[in-house]
Amino acid sequence: MFLWRQPDFVKLWAGQAISEIGSRVSREGIPLTAVLVLHATTAQMGWLVAISGIAAFLAGPLVGPLVDGLRRRPLMIAADLARAAVLLSIP
C-alpha cells in the first residue's frame, strides 16, 4: 500500500515539512538578520549561536523524561505552535 494514500501519513509529512522550513528560516535567517541589519560583530555572532544552542542542551535532559509518557501527536503540535509564536514575536 502506498503511503501517500494514508491520510495520517500525509498530515504528518506536511506538518514536518512546514516545521523544517520554519527551522531552516530561523537557523539561517536570524544570524543573517543580525549581520545585515544589526551589523553584529563576530563576538556577538558567537554569543547568538551559543545562546541559541544552550537552550536545547539544558532543557533536553530535564524535559525529556517529563514528556516521555505523554501522547506524541498533541505534544509535537503544541511544540511547533509555541516555537512559531516565539519566532513571530522577534520582529
PDB file of N, CA and C in Angstrom:
ATOM      1  N   MET A   1       0.841  -1.174   0.000  1.00  0.00           N
ATOM      2  CA  MET A   1       0.000   0.000   0.000  1.00  0.00           C
ATOM      3  C   MET A   1       0.888   1.239   0.000  1.00  0.00           C
ATOM      4  N   PHE A   2       0.490   2.236  -0.751  1.00  0.00           N
ATOM      5  CA  PHE A   2       1.267   3.454  -0.872  1.00  0.00           C
ATOM      6  C   PHE A   2       1.016   4.367   0.327  1.00  0.00           C
ATOM      7  N   LEU A   3       2.091   4.966   0.803  1.00  0.00           N
ATOM      8  CA  LEU A   3       1.973   5.852   1.958  1.00  0.00           C
ATOM      9  C   LEU A   3       1.175   7.115   1.640  1.00  0.00           C
ATOM     10  N   TRP A   4       1.227   7.557   0.388  1.00  0.00           N
ATOM     11  CA  TRP A   4       0.518   8.782   0.017  1.00  0.00           C
ATOM     12  C   TRP A   4      -0.998   8.633   0.123  1.00  0.00           C
ATOM     13  N   ARG A   5      -1.471   7.416   0.188  1.00  0.00           N
ATOM     14  CA  ARG A   5      -2.910   7.183   0.318  1.00  0.00           C
ATOM     15  C   ARG A   5      -3.351   7.103   1.777  1.00  0.00           C
ATOM     16  N   GLN A   6      -2.428   7.198   2.674  1.00  0.00           N
ATOM     17  CA  GLN A   6      -2.723   7.184   4.105  1.00  0.00           C
ATOM     18  C   GLN A   6      -2.839   8.633   4.601  1.00  0.00           C
ATOM     19  N   PRO A   7      -4.038   9.066   4.989  1.00  0.00           N
ATOM     20  CA  PRO A   7      -4.210  10.474   5.384  1.00  0.00           C
ATOM     21  C   PRO A   7      -3.356  10.875   6.585  1.00  0.00           C
ATOM     22  N   ASP A   8      -3.171   9.976   7.533  1.00  0.00           N
ATOM     23  CA  ASP A   8      -2.354  10.325   8.703  1.00  0.00           C
ATOM     24  C   ASP A   8      -0.908  10.570   8.307  1.00  0.00           C
ATOM     25  N   PHE A   9      -0.390   9.766   7.374  1.00  0.00           N
ATOM     26  CA  PHE A   9       0.982   9.969   6.921  1.00  0.00           C
ATOM     27  C   PHE A   9       1.111  11.296   6.189  1.00  0.00           C
ATOM     28  N   VAL A  10       0.162  11.623   5.346  1.00  0.00           N
ATOM     29  CA  VAL A  10       0.215  12.874   4.592  1.00  0.00           C
ATOM     30  C   VAL A  10       0.183  14.066   5.546  1.00  0.00           C
ATOM     31  N   LYS A  11      -0.641  13.993   6.581  1.00  0.00           N
ATOM     32  CA  LYS A  11      -0.691  15.078   7.571  1.00  0.00           C
ATOM     33  C   LYS A  11       0.636  15.205   8.309  1.00  0.00           C
ATOM     34  N   LEU A  12       1.204  14.075   8.718  1.00  0.00           N
ATOM     35  CA  LEU A  12       2.487  14.097   9.412  1.00  0.00           C
ATOM     36  C   LEU A  12       3.576  14.653   8.509  1.00  0.00           C
ATOM     37  N   TRP A  13       3.622  14.183   7.267  1.00  0.00           N
ATOM     38  CA  TRP A  13       4.649  14.616   6.333  1.00  0.00           C
ATOM     39  C   TRP A  13       4.534  16.108   6.064  1.00  0.00           C
ATOM     40  N   ALA A  14       3.320  16.599   5.839  1.00  0.00           N
ATOM     41  CA  ALA A  14       3.122  18.023   5.564  1.00  0.00           C
ATOM     42  C   ALA A  14       3.493  18.869   6.782  1.00  0.00           C
ATOM     43  N   GLY A  15       3.071  18.436   7.952  1.00  0.00           N
ATOM     44  CA  GLY A  15       3.404  19.178   9.164  1.00  0.00           C
ATOM     45  C   GLY A  15       4.892  19.231   9.426  1.00  0.00           C
ATOM     46  N   GLN A  16       5.560  18.127   9.238  1.00  0.00           N
ATOM     47  CA  GLN A  16       7.007  18.094   9.456  1.00  0.00           C
ATOM     48  C   GLN A  16       7.745  18.918   8.398  1.00  0.00           C
ATOM     49  N   ALA A  17       7.238  18.919   7.177  1.00  0.00           N
ATOM     50  CA  ALA A  17       7.856  19.728   6.120  1.00  0.00           C
ATOM     51  C   ALA A  17       7.749  21.214   6.457  1.00  0.00           C
ATOM     52  N   ILE A  18       6.583  21.643   6.901  1.00  0.00           N
ATOM     53  CA  ILE A  18       6.396  23.046   7.282  1.00  0.00           C
ATOM     54  C   ILE A  18       7.275  23.392   8.480  1.00  0.00           C
ATOM     55  N   SER A  19       7.361  22.485   9.436  1.00  0.00           N
ATOM     56  CA  SER A  19       8.203  22.705  10.606  1.00  0.00           C
ATOM     57  C   SER A  19       9.673  22.820  10.214  1.00  0.00           C
ATOM     58  N   GLU A  20      10.109  21.992   9.287  1.00  0.00           N
ATOM     59  CA  GLU A  20      11.514  22.033   8.849  1.00  0.00           C
ATOM     60  C   GLU A  20      11.816  23.329   8.108  1.00  0.00           C
ATOM     61  N   ILE A  21      10.871  23.807   7.315  1.00  0.00           N
ATOM     62  CA  ILE A  21      11.064  25.089   6.633  1.00  0.00           C
ATOM     63  C   ILE A  21      11.223  26.202   7.668  1.00  0.00           C
ATOM     64  N   GLY A  22      10.371  26.189   8.692  1.00  0.00           N
ATOM     65  CA  GLY A  22      10.492  27.188   9.749  1.00  0.00           C
ATOM     66  C   GLY A  22      11.816  27.092  10.488  1.00  0.00           C
ATOM     67  N   SER A  23      12.267  25.877  10.712  1.00  0.00           N
ATOM     68  CA  SER A  23      13.558  25.697  11.387  1.00  0.00           C
ATOM     69  C   SER A  23      14.695  26.243  10.542  1.00  0.00           C
ATOM     70  N   ARG A  24      14.650  25.983   9.252  1.00  0.00           N
ATOM     71  CA  ARG A  24      15.701  26.482   8.364  1.00  0.00           C
ATOM     72  C   ARG A  24      15.695  28.006   8.304  1.00  0.00           C
ATOM     73  N   VAL A  25      14.518  28.586   8.219  1.00  0.00           N
ATOM     74  CA  VAL A  25      14.433  30.045   8.162  1.00  0.00           C
ATOM     75  C   VAL A  25      15.019  30.655   9.433  1.00  0.00           C
ATOM     76  N   SER A  26      14.682  30.086  10.577  1.00  0.00           N
ATOM     77  CA  SER A  26      15.215  30.651  11.816  1.00  0.00           C
ATOM     78  C   SER A  26      16.702  30.354  11.982  1.00  0.00           C
ATOM     79  N   ARG A  27      17.141  29.168  11.554  1.00  0.00           N
ATOM     80  CA  ARG A  27      18.557  28.816  11.719  1.00  0.00           C
ATOM     81  C   ARG A  27      19.457  29.698  10.861  1.00  0.00           C
ATOM     82  N   GLU A  28      19.026  30.020   9.629  1.00  0.00           N
ATOM     83  CA  GLU A  28      19.846  30.866   8.764  1.00  0.00           C
ATOM     84  C   GLU A  28      19.408  32.320   8.790  1.00  0.00           C
ATOM     85  N   GLY A  29      18.114  32.568   8.988  1.00  0.00           N
ATOM     86  CA  GLY A  29      17.590  33.922   8.895  1.00  0.00           C
ATOM     87  C   GLY A  29      17.945  34.817  10.060  1.00  0.00           C
ATOM     88  N   ILE A  30      17.906  34.293  11.268  1.00  0.00           N
ATOM     89  CA  ILE A  30      18.199  35.128  12.437  1.00  0.00           C
ATOM     90  C   ILE A  30      19.663  35.583  12.447  1.00  0.00           C
ATOM     91  N   PRO A  31      20.634  34.696  12.233  1.00  0.00           N
ATOM     92  CA  PRO A  31      22.013  35.194  12.167  1.00  0.00           C
ATOM     93  C   PRO A  31      22.258  36.138  10.986  1.00  0.00           C
ATOM     94  N   LEU A  32      21.638  35.851   9.846  1.00  0.00           N
ATOM     95  CA  LEU A  32      21.805  36.733   8.692  1.00  0.00           C
ATOM     96  C   LEU A  32      21.215  38.112   8.967  1.00  0.00           C
ATOM     97  N   THR A  33      20.085  38.157   9.625  1.00  0.00           N
ATOM     98  CA  THR A  33      19.490  39.432  10.007  1.00  0.00           C
ATOM     99  C   THR A  33      20.383  40.175  10.992  1.00  0.00           C
ATOM    100  N   ALA A  34      20.969  39.444  11.914  1.00  0.00           N
ATOM    101  CA  ALA A  34      21.866  40.074  12.890  1.00  0.00           C
ATOM    102  C   ALA A  34      23.061  40.724  12.199  1.00  0.00           C
ATOM    103  N   VAL A  35      23.580  40.066  11.174  1.00  0.00           N
ATOM    104  CA  VAL A  35      24.746  40.616  10.476  1.00  0.00           C
ATOM    105  C   VAL A  35      24.350  41.781   9.573  1.00  0.00           C
ATOM    106  N   LEU A  36      23.314  41.587   8.759  1.00  0.00           N
ATOM    107  CA  LEU A  36      22.986  42.593   7.753  1.00  0.00           C
ATOM    108  C   LEU A  36      22.263  43.811   8.320  1.00  0.00           C
ATOM    109  N   VAL A  37      21.354  43.606   9.248  1.00  0.00           N
ATOM    110  CA  VAL A  37      20.544  44.723   9.747  1.00  0.00           C
ATOM    111  C   VAL A  37      21.155  45.346  11.005  1.00  0.00           C
ATOM    112  N   LEU A  38      21.575  44.486  11.915  1.00  0.00           N
ATOM    113  CA  LEU A  38      22.090  44.988  13.189  1.00  0.00           C
ATOM    114  C   LEU A  38      23.597  45.189  13.197  1.00  0.00           C
ATOM    115  N   HIS A  39      24.274  44.789  12.112  1.00  0.00           N
ATOM    116  CA  HIS A  39      25.731  44.922  11.986  1.00  0.00           C
ATOM    117  C   HIS A  39      26.455  44.276  13.167  1.00  0.00           C
ATOM    118  N   ALA A  40      26.085  43.044  13.457  1.00  0.00           N
ATOM    119  CA  ALA A  40      26.666  42.315  14.589  1.00  0.00           C
ATOM    120  C   ALA A  40      28.136  41.995  14.322  1.00  0.00           C
ATOM    121  N   THR A  41      28.927  42.062  15.369  1.00  0.00           N
ATOM    122  CA  THR A  41      30.341  41.714  15.271  1.00  0.00           C
ATOM    123  C   THR A  41      30.501  40.198  15.372  1.00  0.00           C
ATOM    124  N   THR A  42      31.707  39.720  15.159  1.00  0.00           N
ATOM    125  CA  THR A  42      31.946  38.279  15.259  1.00  0.00           C
ATOM    126  C   THR A  42      31.711  37.766  16.675  1.00  0.00           C
ATOM    127  N   ALA A  43      32.083  38.560  17.668  1.00  0.00           N
ATOM    128  CA  ALA A  43      31.846  38.144  19.057  1.00  0.00           C
ATOM    129  C   ALA A  43      30.354  38.065  19.353  1.00  0.00           C
ATOM    130  N   GLN A  44      29.599  39.023  18.870  1.00  0.00           N
ATOM    131  CA  GLN A  44      28.151  39.000  19.078  1.00  0.00           C
ATOM    132  C   GLN A  44      27.511  37.823  18.353  1.00  0.00           C
ATOM    133  N   MET A  45      28.016  37.494  17.178  1.00  0.00           N
ATOM    134  CA  MET A  45      27.508  36.333  16.455  1.00  0.00           C
ATOM    135  C   MET A  45      27.813  35.046  17.222  1.00  0.00           C
ATOM    136  N   GLY A  46      28.989  34.987  17.825  1.00  0.00           N
ATOM    137  CA  GLY A  46      29.334  33.835  18.638  1.00  0.00           C
ATOM    138  C   GLY A  46      28.386  33.672  19.817  1.00  0.00           C
ATOM    139  N   TRP A  47      28.066  34.779  20.473  1.00  0.00           N
ATOM    140  CA  TRP A  47      27.112  34.732  21.589  1.00  0.00           C
ATOM    141  C   TRP A  47      25.719  34.322  21.110  1.00  0.00           C
ATOM    142  N   LEU A  48      25.308  34.818  19.972  1.00  0.00           N
ATOM    143  CA  LEU A  48      23.994  34.471  19.422  1.00  0.00           C
ATOM    144  C   LEU A  48      23.889  32.979  19.155  1.00  0.00           C
ATOM    145  N   VAL A  49      24.908  32.408  18.541  1.00  0.00           N
ATOM    146  CA  VAL A  49      24.904  30.975  18.250  1.00  0.00           C
ATOM    147  C   VAL A  49      24.972  30.163  19.542  1.00  0.00           C
ATOM    148  N   ALA A  50      25.794  30.591  20.488  1.00  0.00           N
ATOM    149  CA  ALA A  50      25.924  29.863  21.753  1.00  0.00           C
ATOM    150  C   ALA A  50      24.619  29.881  22.545  1.00  0.00           C
ATOM    151  N   ILE A  51      23.977  31.018  22.604  1.00  0.00           N
ATOM    152  CA  ILE A  51      22.731  31.120  23.363  1.00  0.00           C
ATOM    153  C   ILE A  51      21.620  30.302  22.712  1.00  0.00           C
ATOM    154  N   SER A  52      21.595  30.293  21.382  1.00  0.00           N
ATOM    155  CA  SER A  52      20.547  29.529  20.708  1.00  0.00           C
ATOM    156  C   SER A  52      20.736  28.022  20.898  1.00  0.00           C
ATOM    157  N   GLY A  53      21.957  27.572  21.061  1.00  0.00           N
ATOM    158  CA  GLY A  53      22.205  26.146  21.251  1.00  0.00           C
ATOM    159  C   GLY A  53      22.107  25.689  22.695  1.00  0.00           C
ATOM    160  N   ILE A  54      22.335  26.598  23.624  1.00  0.00           N
ATOM    161  CA  ILE A  54      22.355  26.202  25.032  1.00  0.00           C
ATOM    162  C   ILE A  54      20.963  25.849  25.557  1.00  0.00           C
ATOM    163  N   ALA A  55      19.928  26.413  24.952  1.00  0.00           N
ATOM    164  CA  ALA A  55      18.566  26.109  25.406  1.00  0.00           C
ATOM    165  C   ALA A  55      18.257  24.626  25.245  1.00  0.00           C
ATOM    166  N   ALA A  56      18.569  24.068  24.088  1.00  0.00           N
ATOM    167  CA  ALA A  56      18.333  22.644  23.867  1.00  0.00           C
ATOM    168  C   ALA A  56      19.239  21.790  24.753  1.00  0.00           C
ATOM    169  N   PHE A  57      20.452  22.245  24.962  1.00  0.00           N
ATOM    170  CA  PHE A  57      21.400  21.499  25.788  1.00  0.00           C
ATOM    171  C   PHE A  57      20.936  21.407  27.233  1.00  0.00           C
ATOM    172  N   LEU A  58      20.370  22.481  27.759  1.00  0.00           N
ATOM    173  CA  LEU A  58      19.927  22.485  29.155  1.00  0.00           C
ATOM    174  C   LEU A  58      18.527  21.898  29.329  1.00  0.00           C
ATOM    175  N   ALA A  59      17.631  22.218  28.419  1.00  0.00           N
ATOM    176  CA  ALA A  59      16.241  21.784  28.583  1.00  0.00           C
ATOM    177  C   ALA A  59      16.031  20.332  28.193  1.00  0.00           C
ATOM    178  N   GLY A  60      16.775  19.819  27.241  1.00  0.00           N
ATOM    179  CA  GLY A  60      16.572  18.457  26.749  1.00  0.00           C
ATOM    180  C   GLY A  60      16.585  17.389  27.829  1.00  0.00           C
ATOM    181  N   PRO A  61      17.634  17.296  28.616  1.00  0.00           N
ATOM    182  CA  PRO A  61      17.660  16.260  29.653  1.00  0.00           C
ATOM    183  C   PRO A  61      16.618  16.450  30.751  1.00  0.00           C
ATOM    184  N   LEU A  62      16.185  17.675  30.977  1.00  0.00           N
ATOM    185  CA  LEU A  62      15.201  17.927  32.024  1.00  0.00           C
ATOM    186  C   LEU A  62      13.770  17.658  31.548  1.00  0.00           C
ATOM    187  N   VAL A  63      13.467  18.096  30.333  1.00  0.00           N
ATOM    188  CA  VAL A  63      12.109  17.994  29.825  1.00  0.00           C
ATOM    189  C   VAL A  63      11.850  16.622  29.205  1.00  0.00           C
ATOM    190  N   GLY A  64      12.862  15.983  28.665  1.00  0.00           N
ATOM    191  CA  GLY A  64      12.693  14.689  28.007  1.00  0.00           C
ATOM    192  C   GLY A  64      11.977  13.650  28.854  1.00  0.00           C
ATOM    193  N   PRO A  65      12.442  13.376  30.060  1.00  0.00           N
ATOM    194  CA  PRO A  65      11.740  12.384  30.886  1.00  0.00           C
ATOM    195  C   PRO A  65      10.327  12.803  31.283  1.00  0.00           C
ATOM    196  N   LEU A  66      10.084  14.108  31.389  1.00  0.00           N
ATOM    197  CA  LEU A  66       8.748  14.575  31.766  1.00  0.00           C
ATOM    198  C   LEU A  66       7.720  14.323  30.670  1.00  0.00           C
ATOM    199  N   VAL A  67       8.111  14.484  29.421  1.00  0.00           N
ATOM    200  CA  VAL A  67       7.161  14.341  28.315  1.00  0.00           C
ATOM    201  C   VAL A  67       7.163  12.938  27.726  1.00  0.00           C
ATOM    202  N   ASP A  68       7.987  12.074  28.246  1.00  0.00           N
ATOM    203  CA  ASP A  68       8.091  10.727  27.686  1.00  0.00           C
ATOM    204  C   ASP A  68       6.781   9.951  27.784  1.00  0.00           C
ATOM    205  N   GLY A  69       6.002  10.194  28.804  1.00  0.00           N
ATOM    206  CA  GLY A  69       4.752   9.461  28.974  1.00  0.00           C
ATOM    207  C   GLY A  69       3.554  10.111  28.291  1.00  0.00           C
ATOM    208  N   LEU A  70       3.749  11.282  27.668  1.00  0.00           N
ATOM    209  CA  LEU A  70       2.643  11.985  27.038  1.00  0.00           C
ATOM    210  C   LEU A  70       2.411  11.484  25.613  1.00  0.00           C
ATOM    211  N   ARG A  71       1.213  11.763  25.105  1.00  0.00           N
ATOM    212  CA  ARG A  71       0.915  11.420  23.713  1.00  0.00           C
ATOM    213  C   ARG A  71       1.747  12.312  22.806  1.00  0.00           C
ATOM    214  N   ARG A  72       2.344  11.736  21.802  1.00  0.00           N
ATOM    215  CA  ARG A  72       3.309  12.464  20.994  1.00  0.00           C
ATOM    216  C   ARG A  72       2.695  13.449  20.008  1.00  0.00           C
ATOM    217  N   ARG A  73       1.579  13.104  19.402  1.00  0.00           N
ATOM    218  CA  ARG A  73       0.992  13.976  18.385  1.00  0.00           C
ATOM    219  C   ARG A  73       0.604  15.343  18.952  1.00  0.00           C
ATOM    220  N   PRO A  74      -0.185  15.402  20.031  1.00  0.00           N
ATOM    221  CA  PRO A  74      -0.507  16.729  20.577  1.00  0.00           C
ATOM    222  C   PRO A  74       0.731  17.477  21.074  1.00  0.00           C
ATOM    223  N   LEU A  75       1.702  16.741  21.562  1.00  0.00           N
ATOM    224  CA  LEU A  75       2.933  17.363  22.042  1.00  0.00           C
ATOM    225  C   LEU A  75       3.709  17.999  20.891  1.00  0.00           C
ATOM    226  N   MET A  76       3.813  17.284  19.764  1.00  0.00           N
ATOM    227  CA  MET A  76       4.500  17.839  18.592  1.00  0.00           C
ATOM    228  C   MET A  76       3.789  19.072  18.068  1.00  0.00           C
ATOM    229  N   ILE A  77       2.462  19.032  18.021  1.00  0.00           N
ATOM    230  CA  ILE A  77       1.699  20.183  17.538  1.00  0.00           C
ATOM    231  C   ILE A  77       1.883  21.373  18.471  1.00  0.00           C
ATOM    232  N   ALA A  78       1.795  21.138  19.769  1.00  0.00           N
ATOM    233  CA  ALA A  78       1.958  22.218  20.741  1.00  0.00           C
ATOM    234  C   ALA A  78       3.361  22.813  20.678  1.00  0.00           C
ATOM    235  N   ALA A  79       4.365  21.973  20.532  1.00  0.00           N
ATOM    236  CA  ALA A  79       5.742  22.466  20.464  1.00  0.00           C
ATOM    237  C   ALA A  79       5.958  23.307  19.208  1.00  0.00           C
ATOM    238  N   ASP A  80       5.424  22.872  18.082  1.00  0.00           N
ATOM    239  CA  ASP A  80       5.574  23.647  16.851  1.00  0.00           C
ATOM    240  C   ASP A  80       4.823  24.972  16.925  1.00  0.00           C
ATOM    241  N   LEU A  81       3.634  24.972  17.517  1.00  0.00           N
ATOM    242  CA  LEU A  81       2.885  26.217  17.662  1.00  0.00           C
ATOM    243  C   LEU A  81       3.588  27.179  18.620  1.00  0.00           C
ATOM    244  N   ALA A  82       4.152  26.656  19.689  1.00  0.00           N
ATOM    245  CA  ALA A  82       4.885  27.501  20.634  1.00  0.00           C
ATOM    246  C   ALA A  82       6.131  28.093  19.979  1.00  0.00           C
ATOM    247  N   ARG A  83       6.827  27.276  19.206  1.00  0.00           N
ATOM    248  CA  ARG A  83       8.017  27.782  18.507  1.00  0.00           C
ATOM    249  C   ARG A  83       7.628  28.858  17.500  1.00  0.00           C
ATOM    250  N   ALA A  84       6.518  28.662  16.784  1.00  0.00           N
ATOM    251  CA  ALA A  84       6.052  29.670  15.824  1.00  0.00           C
ATOM    252  C   ALA A  84       5.708  30.970  16.541  1.00  0.00           C
ATOM    253  N   ALA A  85       5.065  30.872  17.685  1.00  0.00           N
ATOM    254  CA  ALA A  85       4.715  32.089  18.437  1.00  0.00           C
ATOM    255  C   ALA A  85       5.958  32.836  18.900  1.00  0.00           C
ATOM    256  N   VAL A  86       6.958  32.103  19.356  1.00  0.00           N
ATOM    257  CA  VAL A  86       8.202  32.749  19.791  1.00  0.00           C
ATOM    258  C   VAL A  86       8.910  33.412  18.612  1.00  0.00           C
ATOM    259  N   LEU A  87       8.958  32.712  17.482  1.00  0.00           N
ATOM    260  CA  LEU A  87       9.617  33.290  16.321  1.00  0.00           C
ATOM    261  C   LEU A  87       8.855  34.489  15.765  1.00  0.00           C
ATOM    262  N   LEU A  88       7.547  34.466  15.841  1.00  0.00           N
ATOM    263  CA  LEU A  88       6.763  35.613  15.383  1.00  0.00           C
ATOM    264  C   LEU A  88       6.903  36.817  16.307  1.00  0.00           C
ATOM    265  N   SER A  89       7.317  36.581  17.537  1.00  0.00           N
ATOM    266  CA  SER A  89       7.500  37.697  18.472  1.00  0.00           C
ATOM    267  C   SER A  89       8.810  38.453  18.225  1.00  0.00           C
ATOM    268  N   ILE A  90       9.725  37.872  17.465  1.00  0.00           N
ATOM    269  CA  ILE A  90      11.020  38.504  17.230  1.00  0.00           C
ATOM    270  C   ILE A  90      10.900  39.798  16.439  1.00  0.00           C
ATOM    271  N   PRO A  91      10.166  39.834  15.327  1.00  0.00           N
ATOM    272  CA  PRO A  91      10.099  41.107  14.576  1.00  0.00           C
ATOM    273  C   PRO A  91       9.421  42.185  15.392  1.00  0.00           C
TER     274      PRO A  91
END
